[in-house]
Amino acid sequence: QAHLVESGGGLVQPGGSLSLSCAASGTIWAIYHMGWYRQAPGKERELVATESSGGIRNYAESVKGRFTISRDNPKNTVYLQMSSLEPEDTAVYYCNGQIYTTSGVNTYWGQGTQVTVSS
C-alpha cells in the first residue's frame, strides 16, 4: 500500500505564484508516473501535468508556460510550481501516482489541496 499527501495550497492573488508538493509513503518498490490533476466546482477532474520516471513531462495546454512539474525521486516527491495564476486555476488539486508496492502496480490519489486565485 502507498499513500500520497499533498501540501502547499492556499489563497493567492491573480498573477501570483504558489507551490504544491506531494510525498508518497509506504512500502514502495518503484514509482512510475506522478502528476497533478485538478477539479473545479461543477467540472470534471482534469489533468494538469505529469512526469514519468524517465523525466518526460506533459502539460495541459491551459497551464503550459505557467506551471512546472518536477520530481525528487529519492524522496518519492512530486512538485508543482505555479506562476501567473489566474482565477480559472481555482480548484482542488490532486496528486496522482502509479506506484509499485507489494500489492502490485496501482494508481493512488492524494486527498487534495485547495488552490484559490482571487483578489
PDB file of N, CA and C in Angstrom:
ATOM      1  N   GLN A   1       0.837  -1.187   0.000  1.00  0.00           N
ATOM      2  CA  GLN A   1       0.000   0.000   0.000  1.00  0.00           C
ATOM      3  C   GLN A   1       0.874   1.239   0.000  1.00  0.00           C
ATOM      4  N   ALA A   2       0.353   2.305  -0.583  1.00  0.00           N
ATOM      5  CA  ALA A   2       1.049   3.577  -0.595  1.00  0.00           C
ATOM      6  C   ALA A   2       0.064   4.687  -0.269  1.00  0.00           C
ATOM      7  N   HIS A   3       0.600   5.797   0.158  1.00  0.00           N
ATOM      8  CA  HIS A   3      -0.214   6.959   0.470  1.00  0.00           C
ATOM      9  C   HIS A   3       0.438   8.189  -0.128  1.00  0.00           C
ATOM     10  N   LEU A   4      -0.399   9.104  -0.618  1.00  0.00           N
ATOM     11  CA  LEU A   4       0.086  10.370  -1.158  1.00  0.00           C
ATOM     12  C   LEU A   4      -0.486  11.498  -0.318  1.00  0.00           C
ATOM     13  N   VAL A   5       0.366  12.402   0.088  1.00  0.00           N
ATOM     14  CA  VAL A   5      -0.070  13.535   0.904  1.00  0.00           C
ATOM     15  C   VAL A   5       0.404  14.824   0.260  1.00  0.00           C
ATOM     16  N   GLU A   6      -0.578  15.677  -0.081  1.00  0.00           N
ATOM     17  CA  GLU A   6      -0.251  16.960  -0.701  1.00  0.00           C
ATOM     18  C   GLU A   6      -0.116  18.051   0.349  1.00  0.00           C
ATOM     19  N   SER A   7       0.598  19.092  -0.003  1.00  0.00           N
ATOM     20  CA  SER A   7       0.684  20.282   0.840  1.00  0.00           C
ATOM     21  C   SER A   7       0.970  21.481  -0.052  1.00  0.00           C
ATOM     22  N   GLY A   8       0.673  22.673   0.470  1.00  0.00           N
ATOM     23  CA  GLY A   8       1.055  23.893  -0.227  1.00  0.00           C
ATOM     24  C   GLY A   8      -0.071  24.697  -0.839  1.00  0.00           C
ATOM     25  N   GLY A   9      -1.298  24.230  -0.749  1.00  0.00           N
ATOM     26  CA  GLY A   9      -2.391  25.003  -1.312  1.00  0.00           C
ATOM     27  C   GLY A   9      -2.660  26.254  -0.504  1.00  0.00           C
ATOM     28  N   GLY A  10      -3.573  27.082  -1.008  1.00  0.00           N
ATOM     29  CA  GLY A  10      -3.929  28.289  -0.295  1.00  0.00           C
ATOM     30  C   GLY A  10      -4.573  29.320  -1.189  1.00  0.00           C
ATOM     31  N   LEU A  11      -4.623  30.548  -0.677  1.00  0.00           N
ATOM     32  CA  LEU A  11      -5.220  31.673  -1.385  1.00  0.00           C
ATOM     33  C   LEU A  11      -4.110  32.550  -1.952  1.00  0.00           C
ATOM     34  N   VAL A  12      -4.241  32.918  -3.214  1.00  0.00           N
ATOM     35  CA  VAL A  12      -3.234  33.762  -3.865  1.00  0.00           C
ATOM     36  C   VAL A  12      -3.942  34.729  -4.797  1.00  0.00           C
ATOM     37  N   GLN A  13      -3.364  35.886  -4.973  1.00  0.00           N
ATOM     38  CA  GLN A  13      -3.947  36.877  -5.871  1.00  0.00           C
ATOM     39  C   GLN A  13      -3.633  36.549  -7.321  1.00  0.00           C
ATOM     40  N   PRO A  14      -4.474  37.001  -8.234  1.00  0.00           N
ATOM     41  CA  PRO A  14      -4.174  36.805  -9.663  1.00  0.00           C
ATOM     42  C   PRO A  14      -2.789  37.338 -10.009  1.00  0.00           C
ATOM     43  N   GLY A  15      -2.072  36.551 -10.798  1.00  0.00           N
ATOM     44  CA  GLY A  15      -0.706  36.924 -11.157  1.00  0.00           C
ATOM     45  C   GLY A  15       0.331  36.404 -10.195  1.00  0.00           C
ATOM     46  N   GLY A  16      -0.111  35.853  -9.088  1.00  0.00           N
ATOM     47  CA  GLY A  16       0.805  35.360  -8.073  1.00  0.00           C
ATOM     48  C   GLY A  16       1.302  33.963  -8.359  1.00  0.00           C
ATOM     49  N   SER A  17       2.083  33.444  -7.396  1.00  0.00           N
ATOM     50  CA  SER A  17       2.689  32.119  -7.524  1.00  0.00           C
ATOM     51  C   SER A  17       2.378  31.280  -6.294  1.00  0.00           C
ATOM     52  N   LEU A  18       2.427  29.985  -6.504  1.00  0.00           N
ATOM     53  CA  LEU A  18       2.175  29.040  -5.420  1.00  0.00           C
ATOM     54  C   LEU A  18       2.864  27.736  -5.780  1.00  0.00           C
ATOM     55  N   SER A  19       3.355  27.040  -4.760  1.00  0.00           N
ATOM     56  CA  SER A  19       3.995  25.747  -4.988  1.00  0.00           C
ATOM     57  C   SER A  19       3.263  24.664  -4.222  1.00  0.00           C
ATOM     58  N   LEU A  20       3.059  23.543  -4.874  1.00  0.00           N
ATOM     59  CA  LEU A  20       2.468  22.371  -4.250  1.00  0.00           C
ATOM     60  C   LEU A  20       3.511  21.270  -4.185  1.00  0.00           C
ATOM     61  N   SER A  21       3.390  20.433  -3.170  1.00  0.00           N
ATOM     62  CA  SER A  21       4.242  19.251  -3.094  1.00  0.00           C
ATOM     63  C   SER A  21       3.395  18.056  -2.702  1.00  0.00           C
ATOM     64  N   CYS A  22       3.885  16.896  -3.063  1.00  0.00           N
ATOM     65  CA  CYS A  22       3.167  15.654  -2.772  1.00  0.00           C
ATOM     66  C   CYS A  22       4.199  14.575  -2.499  1.00  0.00           C
ATOM     67  N   ALA A  23       4.108  13.995  -1.314  1.00  0.00           N
ATOM     68  CA  ALA A  23       5.052  12.958  -0.917  1.00  0.00           C
ATOM     69  C   ALA A  23       4.349  11.615  -0.842  1.00  0.00           C
ATOM     70  N   ALA A  24       4.980  10.619  -1.422  1.00  0.00           N
ATOM     71  CA  ALA A  24       4.469   9.250  -1.361  1.00  0.00           C
ATOM     72  C   ALA A  24       5.164   8.499  -0.241  1.00  0.00           C
ATOM     73  N   SER A  25       4.387   7.705   0.483  1.00  0.00           N
ATOM     74  CA  SER A  25       4.958   6.904   1.560  1.00  0.00           C
ATOM     75  C   SER A  25       4.347   5.509   1.523  1.00  0.00           C
ATOM     76  N   GLY A  26       4.984   4.593   2.228  1.00  0.00           N
ATOM     77  CA  GLY A  26       4.520   3.214   2.247  1.00  0.00           C
ATOM     78  C   GLY A  26       5.627   2.285   1.815  1.00  0.00           C
ATOM     79  N   THR A  27       5.263   1.049   1.565  1.00  0.00           N
ATOM     80  CA  THR A  27       6.246   0.058   1.108  1.00  0.00           C
ATOM     81  C   THR A  27       6.319   0.160  -0.412  1.00  0.00           C
ATOM     82  N   ILE A  28       7.147   1.063  -0.881  1.00  0.00           N
ATOM     83  CA  ILE A  28       7.210   1.419  -2.298  1.00  0.00           C
ATOM     84  C   ILE A  28       8.425   0.777  -2.940  1.00  0.00           C
ATOM     85  N   TRP A  29       8.174   0.047  -4.008  1.00  0.00           N
ATOM     86  CA  TRP A  29       9.288  -0.552  -4.750  1.00  0.00           C
ATOM     87  C   TRP A  29       9.685   0.327  -5.930  1.00  0.00           C
ATOM     88  N   ALA A  30       8.714   1.002  -6.527  1.00  0.00           N
ATOM     89  CA  ALA A  30       9.020   1.911  -7.641  1.00  0.00           C
ATOM     90  C   ALA A  30       7.832   2.831  -7.868  1.00  0.00           C
ATOM     91  N   ILE A  31       8.124   4.013  -8.388  1.00  0.00           N
ATOM     92  CA  ILE A  31       7.061   4.940  -8.782  1.00  0.00           C
ATOM     93  C   ILE A  31       7.231   5.260 -10.252  1.00  0.00           C
ATOM     94  N   TYR A  32       6.216   5.062 -11.007  1.00  0.00           N
ATOM     95  CA  TYR A  32       6.255   5.342 -12.432  1.00  0.00           C
ATOM     96  C   TYR A  32       5.765   6.758 -12.666  1.00  0.00           C
ATOM     97  N   HIS A  33       4.644   6.957 -13.291  1.00  0.00           N
ATOM     98  CA  HIS A  33       4.139   8.307 -13.494  1.00  0.00           C
ATOM     99  C   HIS A  33       3.708   8.927 -12.164  1.00  0.00           C
ATOM    100  N   MET A  34       4.002  10.225 -12.026  1.00  0.00           N
ATOM    101  CA  MET A  34       3.416  11.021 -10.953  1.00  0.00           C
ATOM    102  C   MET A  34       2.885  12.287 -11.597  1.00  0.00           C
ATOM    103  N   GLY A  35       1.833  12.814 -11.029  1.00  0.00           N
ATOM    104  CA  GLY A  35       1.286  14.000 -11.661  1.00  0.00           C
ATOM    105  C   GLY A  35       0.285  14.729 -10.799  1.00  0.00           C
ATOM    106  N   TRP A  36      -0.266  15.755 -11.399  1.00  0.00           N
ATOM    107  CA  TRP A  36      -1.254  16.601 -10.743  1.00  0.00           C
ATOM    108  C   TRP A  36      -2.503  16.715 -11.624  1.00  0.00           C
ATOM    109  N   TYR A  37      -3.639  16.630 -10.966  1.00  0.00           N
ATOM    110  CA  TYR A  37      -4.931  16.840 -11.597  1.00  0.00           C
ATOM    111  C   TYR A  37      -5.655  17.905 -10.780  1.00  0.00           C
ATOM    112  N   ARG A  38      -6.696  18.469 -11.346  1.00  0.00           N
ATOM    113  CA  ARG A  38      -7.478  19.442 -10.590  1.00  0.00           C
ATOM    114  C   ARG A  38      -8.954  19.309 -10.936  1.00  0.00           C
ATOM    115  N   GLN A  39      -9.773  19.752  -9.980  1.00  0.00           N
ATOM    116  CA  GLN A  39     -11.210  19.715 -10.188  1.00  0.00           C
ATOM    117  C   GLN A  39     -11.822  20.995  -9.637  1.00  0.00           C
ATOM    118  N   ALA A  40     -12.405  21.767 -10.533  1.00  0.00           N
ATOM    119  CA  ALA A  40     -13.090  22.990 -10.148  1.00  0.00           C
ATOM    120  C   ALA A  40     -14.548  22.668  -9.860  1.00  0.00           C
ATOM    121  N   PRO A  41     -15.222  23.499  -9.084  1.00  0.00           N
ATOM    122  CA  PRO A  41     -16.634  23.252  -8.762  1.00  0.00           C
ATOM    123  C   PRO A  41     -17.477  23.097 -10.025  1.00  0.00           C
ATOM    124  N   GLY A  42     -18.252  22.028 -10.064  1.00  0.00           N
ATOM    125  CA  GLY A  42     -19.131  21.799 -11.193  1.00  0.00           C
ATOM    126  C   GLY A  42     -18.465  21.273 -12.439  1.00  0.00           C
ATOM    127  N   LYS A  43     -17.170  20.990 -12.352  1.00  0.00           N
ATOM    128  CA  LYS A  43     -16.434  20.497 -13.525  1.00  0.00           C
ATOM    129  C   LYS A  43     -15.817  19.138 -13.243  1.00  0.00           C
ATOM    130  N   GLU A  44     -15.419  18.466 -14.321  1.00  0.00           N
ATOM    131  CA  GLU A  44     -14.778  17.166 -14.184  1.00  0.00           C
ATOM    132  C   GLU A  44     -13.301  17.353 -13.796  1.00  0.00           C
ATOM    133  N   ARG A  45     -12.754  16.325 -13.196  1.00  0.00           N
ATOM    134  CA  ARG A  45     -11.328  16.356 -12.873  1.00  0.00           C
ATOM    135  C   ARG A  45     -10.530  16.336 -14.171  1.00  0.00           C
ATOM    136  N   GLU A  46      -9.495  17.174 -14.239  1.00  0.00           N
ATOM    137  CA  GLU A  46      -8.709  17.267 -15.452  1.00  0.00           C
ATOM    138  C   GLU A  46      -7.218  17.190 -15.139  1.00  0.00           C
ATOM    139  N   LEU A  47      -6.480  16.720 -16.127  1.00  0.00           N
ATOM    140  CA  LEU A  47      -5.029  16.625 -15.984  1.00  0.00           C
ATOM    141  C   LEU A  47      -4.423  18.022 -15.998  1.00  0.00           C
ATOM    142  N   VAL A  48      -3.444  18.219 -15.111  1.00  0.00           N
ATOM    143  CA  VAL A  48      -2.684  19.468 -15.105  1.00  0.00           C
ATOM    144  C   VAL A  48      -1.285  19.202 -15.673  1.00  0.00           C
ATOM    145  N   ALA A  49      -0.591  18.241 -15.069  1.00  0.00           N
ATOM    146  CA  ALA A  49       0.767  17.934 -15.512  1.00  0.00           C
ATOM    147  C   ALA A  49       1.167  16.564 -14.980  1.00  0.00           C
ATOM    148  N   THR A  50       1.976  15.861 -15.752  1.00  0.00           N
ATOM    149  CA  THR A  50       2.518  14.582 -15.303  1.00  0.00           C
ATOM    150  C   THR A  50       3.997  14.505 -15.658  1.00  0.00           C
ATOM    151  N   GLU A  51       4.698  13.670 -14.924  1.00  0.00           N
ATOM    152  CA  GLU A  51       6.099  13.402 -15.243  1.00  0.00           C
ATOM    153  C   GLU A  51       6.357  11.920 -15.059  1.00  0.00           C
ATOM    154  N   SER A  52       6.966  11.318 -16.063  1.00  0.00           N
ATOM    155  CA  SER A  52       7.282   9.888 -15.991  1.00  0.00           C
ATOM    156  C   SER A  52       8.532   9.679 -15.150  1.00  0.00           C
ATOM    157  N   SER A  53       8.806   8.444 -14.830  1.00  0.00           N
ATOM    158  CA  SER A  53      10.005   8.131 -14.063  1.00  0.00           C
ATOM    159  C   SER A  53      11.264   8.476 -14.850  1.00  0.00           C
ATOM    160  N   GLY A  54      11.135   8.566 -16.162  1.00  0.00           N
ATOM    161  CA  GLY A  54      12.262   8.929 -17.002  1.00  0.00           C
ATOM    162  C   GLY A  54      12.396  10.415 -17.240  1.00  0.00           C
ATOM    163  N   GLY A  55      11.517  11.204 -16.622  1.00  0.00           N
ATOM    164  CA  GLY A  55      11.623  12.660 -16.726  1.00  0.00           C
ATOM    165  C   GLY A  55      10.856  13.293 -17.866  1.00  0.00           C
ATOM    166  N   ILE A  56      10.004  12.532 -18.540  1.00  0.00           N
ATOM    167  CA  ILE A  56       9.193  13.098 -19.616  1.00  0.00           C
ATOM    168  C   ILE A  56       7.989  13.802 -19.003  1.00  0.00           C
ATOM    169  N   ARG A  57       7.809  15.061 -19.357  1.00  0.00           N
ATOM    170  CA  ARG A  57       6.751  15.877 -18.775  1.00  0.00           C
ATOM    171  C   ARG A  57       5.655  16.155 -19.790  1.00  0.00           C
ATOM    172  N   ASN A  58       4.449  16.231 -19.276  1.00  0.00           N
ATOM    173  CA  ASN A  58       3.282  16.502 -20.096  1.00  0.00           C
ATOM    174  C   ASN A  58       2.421  17.525 -19.373  1.00  0.00           C
ATOM    175  N   TYR A  59       1.962  18.542 -20.102  1.00  0.00           N
ATOM    176  CA  TYR A  59       1.172  19.608 -19.506  1.00  0.00           C
ATOM    177  C   TYR A  59      -0.130  19.811 -20.246  1.00  0.00           C
ATOM    178  N   ALA A  60      -1.144  20.233 -19.504  1.00  0.00           N
ATOM    179  CA  ALA A  60      -2.367  20.706 -20.135  1.00  0.00           C
ATOM    180  C   ALA A  60      -2.052  22.007 -20.862  1.00  0.00           C
ATOM    181  N   GLU A  61      -2.721  22.227 -21.987  1.00  0.00           N
ATOM    182  CA  GLU A  61      -2.472  23.439 -22.770  1.00  0.00           C
ATOM    183  C   GLU A  61      -2.696  24.697 -21.942  1.00  0.00           C
ATOM    184  N   SER A  62      -3.667  24.645 -21.048  1.00  0.00           N
ATOM    185  CA  SER A  62      -4.048  25.834 -20.286  1.00  0.00           C
ATOM    186  C   SER A  62      -2.987  26.264 -19.278  1.00  0.00           C
ATOM    187  N   VAL A  63      -2.031  25.385 -18.969  1.00  0.00           N
ATOM    188  CA  VAL A  63      -1.021  25.732 -17.962  1.00  0.00           C
ATOM    189  C   VAL A  63       0.389  25.784 -18.536  1.00  0.00           C
ATOM    190  N   LYS A  64       0.545  25.448 -19.800  1.00  0.00           N
ATOM    191  CA  LYS A  64       1.881  25.469 -20.407  1.00  0.00           C
ATOM    192  C   LYS A  64       2.494  26.862 -20.300  1.00  0.00           C
ATOM    193  N   GLY A  65       3.747  26.895 -19.890  1.00  0.00           N
ATOM    194  CA  GLY A  65       4.449  28.170 -19.756  1.00  0.00           C
ATOM    195  C   GLY A  65       4.230  28.841 -18.419  1.00  0.00           C
ATOM    196  N   ARG A  66       3.275  28.347 -17.648  1.00  0.00           N
ATOM    197  CA  ARG A  66       2.989  28.947 -16.343  1.00  0.00           C
ATOM    198  C   ARG A  66       3.282  27.987 -15.192  1.00  0.00           C
ATOM    199  N   PHE A  67       3.052  26.687 -15.410  1.00  0.00           N
ATOM    200  CA  PHE A  67       3.253  25.673 -14.372  1.00  0.00           C
ATOM    201  C   PHE A  67       4.453  24.810 -14.730  1.00  0.00           C
ATOM    202  N   THR A  68       5.161  24.354 -13.697  1.00  0.00           N
ATOM    203  CA  THR A  68       6.282  23.442 -13.893  1.00  0.00           C
ATOM    204  C   THR A  68       6.181  22.283 -12.913  1.00  0.00           C
ATOM    205  N   ILE A  69       6.207  21.082 -13.453  1.00  0.00           N
ATOM    206  CA  ILE A  69       6.209  19.889 -12.616  1.00  0.00           C
ATOM    207  C   ILE A  69       7.643  19.388 -12.483  1.00  0.00           C
ATOM    208  N   SER A  70       7.962  18.874 -11.303  1.00  0.00           N
ATOM    209  CA  SER A  70       9.286  18.287 -11.104  1.00  0.00           C
ATOM    210  C   SER A  70       9.182  17.183 -10.063  1.00  0.00           C
ATOM    211  N   ARG A  71      10.182  16.328 -10.058  1.00  0.00           N
ATOM    212  CA  ARG A  71      10.194  15.209  -9.130  1.00  0.00           C
ATOM    213  C   ARG A  71      11.529  15.127  -8.411  1.00  0.00           C
ATOM    214  N   ASP A  72      11.466  14.650  -7.179  1.00  0.00           N
ATOM    215  CA  ASP A  72      12.655  14.277  -6.416  1.00  0.00           C
ATOM    216  C   ASP A  72      12.498  12.795  -6.143  1.00  0.00           C
ATOM    217  N   ASN A  73      13.065  11.983  -7.016  1.00  0.00           N
ATOM    218  CA  ASN A  73      12.818  10.546  -6.939  1.00  0.00           C
ATOM    219  C   ASN A  73      13.320   9.904  -5.630  1.00  0.00           C
ATOM    220  N   PRO A  74      14.495  10.250  -5.127  1.00  0.00           N
ATOM    221  CA  PRO A  74      14.912   9.659  -3.850  1.00  0.00           C
ATOM    222  C   PRO A  74      13.952   9.970  -2.698  1.00  0.00           C
ATOM    223  N   LYS A  75      13.248  11.094  -2.800  1.00  0.00           N
ATOM    224  CA  LYS A  75      12.305  11.475  -1.750  1.00  0.00           C
ATOM    225  C   LYS A  75      10.871  11.068  -2.082  1.00  0.00           C
ATOM    226  N   ASN A  76      10.675  10.405  -3.233  1.00  0.00           N
ATOM    227  CA  ASN A  76       9.320  10.000  -3.656  1.00  0.00           C
ATOM    228  C   ASN A  76       8.363  11.188  -3.623  1.00  0.00           C
ATOM    229  N   THR A  77       8.806  12.315  -4.105  1.00  0.00           N
ATOM    230  CA  THR A  77       8.033  13.546  -4.023  1.00  0.00           C
ATOM    231  C   THR A  77       7.902  14.191  -5.401  1.00  0.00           C
ATOM    232  N   VAL A  78       6.728  14.740  -5.649  1.00  0.00           N
ATOM    233  CA  VAL A  78       6.487  15.489  -6.874  1.00  0.00           C
ATOM    234  C   VAL A  78       6.040  16.898  -6.493  1.00  0.00           C
ATOM    235  N   TYR A  79       6.468  17.855  -7.289  1.00  0.00           N
ATOM    236  CA  TYR A  79       6.170  19.253  -7.019  1.00  0.00           C
ATOM    237  C   TYR A  79       5.425  19.869  -8.199  1.00  0.00           C
ATOM    238  N   LEU A  80       4.694  20.931  -7.910  1.00  0.00           N
ATOM    239  CA  LEU A  80       4.066  21.718  -8.968  1.00  0.00           C
ATOM    240  C   LEU A  80       4.297  23.183  -8.635  1.00  0.00           C
ATOM    241  N   GLN A  81       5.110  23.827  -9.437  1.00  0.00           N
ATOM    242  CA  GLN A  81       5.356  25.258  -9.280  1.00  0.00           C
ATOM    243  C   GLN A  81       4.408  25.993 -10.213  1.00  0.00           C
ATOM    244  N   MET A  82       3.560  26.847  -9.634  1.00  0.00           N
ATOM    245  CA  MET A  82       2.546  27.549 -10.401  1.00  0.00           C
ATOM    246  C   MET A  82       2.827  29.041 -10.359  1.00  0.00           C
ATOM    247  N   SER A  83       2.839  29.674 -11.516  1.00  0.00           N
ATOM    248  CA  SER A  83       3.043  31.116 -11.582  1.00  0.00           C
ATOM    249  C   SER A  83       2.013  31.725 -12.520  1.00  0.00           C
ATOM    250  N   SER A  84       1.957  33.054 -12.509  1.00  0.00           N
ATOM    251  CA  SER A  84       0.965  33.782 -13.322  1.00  0.00           C
ATOM    252  C   SER A  84      -0.427  33.183 -13.142  1.00  0.00           C
ATOM    253  N   LEU A  85      -0.780  32.933 -11.915  1.00  0.00           N
ATOM    254  CA  LEU A  85      -2.051  32.261 -11.627  1.00  0.00           C
ATOM    255  C   LEU A  85      -3.235  33.134 -12.015  1.00  0.00           C
ATOM    256  N   GLU A  86      -4.263  32.467 -12.475  1.00  0.00           N
ATOM    257  CA  GLU A  86      -5.492  33.112 -12.933  1.00  0.00           C
ATOM    258  C   GLU A  86      -6.659  32.580 -12.116  1.00  0.00           C
ATOM    259  N   PRO A  87      -7.738  33.365 -12.023  1.00  0.00           N
ATOM    260  CA  PRO A  87      -8.917  32.857 -11.286  1.00  0.00           C
ATOM    261  C   PRO A  87      -9.396  31.505 -11.816  1.00  0.00           C
ATOM    262  N   GLU A  88      -9.187  31.257 -13.103  1.00  0.00           N
ATOM    263  CA  GLU A  88      -9.609  29.978 -13.691  1.00  0.00           C
ATOM    264  C   GLU A  88      -8.792  28.794 -13.179  1.00  0.00           C
ATOM    265  N   ASP A  89      -7.690  29.063 -12.498  1.00  0.00           N
ATOM    266  CA  ASP A  89      -6.886  27.990 -11.911  1.00  0.00           C
ATOM    267  C   ASP A  89      -7.435  27.542 -10.557  1.00  0.00           C
ATOM    268  N   THR A  90      -8.443  28.222 -10.057  1.00  0.00           N
ATOM    269  CA  THR A  90      -9.037  27.851  -8.779  1.00  0.00           C
ATOM    270  C   THR A  90      -9.650  26.465  -8.870  1.00  0.00           C
ATOM    271  N   ALA A  91      -9.232  25.589  -7.964  1.00  0.00           N
ATOM    272  CA  ALA A  91      -9.686  24.202  -7.980  1.00  0.00           C
ATOM    273  C   ALA A  91      -9.078  23.462  -6.794  1.00  0.00           C
ATOM    274  N   VAL A  92      -9.556  22.260  -6.590  1.00  0.00           N
ATOM    275  CA  VAL A  92      -8.861  21.332  -5.691  1.00  0.00           C
ATOM    276  C   VAL A  92      -7.842  20.573  -6.532  1.00  0.00           C
ATOM    277  N   TYR A  93      -6.622  20.593  -6.116  1.00  0.00           N
ATOM    278  CA  TYR A  93      -5.535  19.949  -6.839  1.00  0.00           C
ATOM    279  C   TYR A  93      -5.216  18.604  -6.178  1.00  0.00           C
ATOM    280  N   TYR A  94      -5.172  17.572  -7.012  1.00  0.00           N
ATOM    281  CA  TYR A  94      -4.931  16.219  -6.521  1.00  0.00           C
ATOM    282  C   TYR A  94      -3.621  15.676  -7.083  1.00  0.00           C
ATOM    283  N   CYS A  95      -2.869  15.052  -6.213  1.00  0.00           N
ATOM    284  CA  CYS A  95      -1.663  14.354  -6.629  1.00  0.00           C
ATOM    285  C   CYS A  95      -2.034  12.938  -7.051  1.00  0.00           C
ATOM    286  N   ASN A  96      -1.350  12.431  -8.036  1.00  0.00           N
ATOM    287  CA  ASN A  96      -1.627  11.107  -8.581  1.00  0.00           C
ATOM    288  C   ASN A  96      -0.314  10.386  -8.807  1.00  0.00           C
ATOM    289  N   GLY A  97      -0.293   9.105  -8.502  1.00  0.00           N
ATOM    290  CA  GLY A  97       0.932   8.350  -8.732  1.00  0.00           C
ATOM    291  C   GLY A  97       0.639   6.919  -9.130  1.00  0.00           C
ATOM    292  N   GLN A  98       1.426   6.409 -10.045  1.00  0.00           N
ATOM    293  CA  GLN A  98       1.357   4.989 -10.429  1.00  0.00           C
ATOM    294  C   GLN A  98       2.502   4.304  -9.692  1.00  0.00           C
ATOM    295  N   ILE A  99       2.158   3.527  -8.672  1.00  0.00           N
ATOM    296  CA  ILE A  99       3.156   3.067  -7.710  1.00  0.00           C
ATOM    297  C   ILE A  99       3.163   1.549  -7.613  1.00  0.00           C
ATOM    298  N   TYR A 100       4.369   1.015  -7.566  1.00  0.00           N
ATOM    299  CA  TYR A 100       4.576  -0.431  -7.453  1.00  0.00           C
ATOM    300  C   TYR A 100       4.861  -0.752  -5.997  1.00  0.00           C
ATOM    301  N   THR A 101       3.953  -1.492  -5.378  1.00  0.00           N
ATOM    302  CA  THR A 101       4.125  -1.908  -3.985  1.00  0.00           C
ATOM    303  C   THR A 101       3.974  -3.418  -3.905  1.00  0.00           C
ATOM    304  N   THR A 102       3.883  -3.932  -2.696  1.00  0.00           N
ATOM    305  CA  THR A 102       3.669  -5.371  -2.518  1.00  0.00           C
ATOM    306  C   THR A 102       2.323  -5.807  -3.075  1.00  0.00           C
ATOM    307  N   SER A 103       1.441  -4.839  -3.329  1.00  0.00           N
ATOM    308  CA  SER A 103       0.118  -5.140  -3.898  1.00  0.00           C
ATOM    309  C   SER A 103       0.121  -5.061  -5.419  1.00  0.00           C
ATOM    310  N   GLY A 104       1.274  -4.873  -6.002  1.00  0.00           N
ATOM    311  CA  GLY A 104       1.374  -4.723  -7.437  1.00  0.00           C
ATOM    312  C   GLY A 104       1.405  -3.257  -7.831  1.00  0.00           C
ATOM    313  N   VAL A 105       1.133  -2.979  -9.100  1.00  0.00           N
ATOM    314  CA  VAL A 105       1.131  -1.608  -9.602  1.00  0.00           C
ATOM    315  C   VAL A 105      -0.294  -1.073  -9.556  1.00  0.00           C
ATOM    316  N   ASN A 106      -0.481  -0.018  -8.811  1.00  0.00           N
ATOM    317  CA  ASN A 106      -1.800   0.594  -8.681  1.00  0.00           C
ATOM    318  C   ASN A 106      -1.683   2.116  -8.785  1.00  0.00           C
ATOM    319  N   THR A 107      -2.815   2.734  -9.047  1.00  0.00           N
ATOM    320  CA  THR A 107      -2.875   4.190  -9.103  1.00  0.00           C
ATOM    321  C   THR A 107      -3.397   4.716  -7.773  1.00  0.00           C
ATOM    322  N   TYR A 108      -2.676   5.668  -7.233  1.00  0.00           N
ATOM    323  CA  TYR A 108      -3.043   6.248  -5.951  1.00  0.00           C
ATOM    324  C   TYR A 108      -3.331   7.731  -6.115  1.00  0.00           C
ATOM    325  N   TRP A 109      -4.207   8.229  -5.256  1.00  0.00           N
ATOM    326  CA  TRP A 109      -4.569   9.642  -5.248  1.00  0.00           C
ATOM    327  C   TRP A 109      -4.351  10.234  -3.861  1.00  0.00           C
ATOM    328  N   GLY A 110      -3.954  11.486  -3.825  1.00  0.00           N
ATOM    329  CA  GLY A 110      -3.909  12.207  -2.570  1.00  0.00           C
ATOM    330  C   GLY A 110      -5.295  12.714  -2.202  1.00  0.00           C
ATOM    331  N   GLN A 111      -5.380  13.358  -1.053  1.00  0.00           N
ATOM    332  CA  GLN A 111      -6.670  13.819  -0.547  1.00  0.00           C
ATOM    333  C   GLN A 111      -7.095  15.143  -1.165  1.00  0.00           C
ATOM    334  N   GLY A 112      -6.171  15.817  -1.830  1.00  0.00           N
ATOM    335  CA  GLY A 112      -6.492  17.079  -2.483  1.00  0.00           C
ATOM    336  C   GLY A 112      -6.114  18.283  -1.640  1.00  0.00           C
ATOM    337  N   THR A 113      -5.743  19.344  -2.314  1.00  0.00           N
ATOM    338  CA  THR A 113      -5.439  20.595  -1.628  1.00  0.00           C
ATOM    339  C   THR A 113      -6.072  21.753  -2.412  1.00  0.00           C
ATOM    340  N   GLN A 114      -6.711  22.645  -1.710  1.00  0.00           N
ATOM    341  CA  GLN A 114      -7.453  23.733  -2.352  1.00  0.00           C
ATOM    342  C   GLN A 114      -6.507  24.852  -2.777  1.00  0.00           C
ATOM    343  N   VAL A 115      -6.670  25.279  -4.013  1.00  0.00           N
ATOM    344  CA  VAL A 115      -5.973  26.458  -4.532  1.00  0.00           C
ATOM    345  C   VAL A 115      -7.034  27.456  -4.965  1.00  0.00           C
ATOM    346  N   THR A 116      -6.985  28.641  -4.388  1.00  0.00           N
ATOM    347  CA  THR A 116      -7.958  29.683  -4.717  1.00  0.00           C
ATOM    348  C   THR A 116      -7.209  30.913  -5.211  1.00  0.00           C
ATOM    349  N   VAL A 117      -7.565  31.362  -6.409  1.00  0.00           N
ATOM    350  CA  VAL A 117      -6.939  32.547  -7.000  1.00  0.00           C
ATOM    351  C   VAL A 117      -7.995  33.637  -7.044  1.00  0.00           C
ATOM    352  N   SER A 118      -7.797  34.625  -6.204  1.00  0.00           N
ATOM    353  CA  SER A 118      -8.806  35.670  -6.077  1.00  0.00           C
ATOM    354  C   SER A 118      -8.187  36.925  -5.488  1.00  0.00           C
ATOM    355  N   SER A 119      -8.730  38.073  -5.890  1.00  0.00           N
ATOM    356  CA  SER A 119      -8.266  39.327  -5.322  1.00  0.00           C
ATOM    357  C   SER A 119      -9.162  39.724  -4.154  1.00  0.00           C
TER     358      SER A 119
END
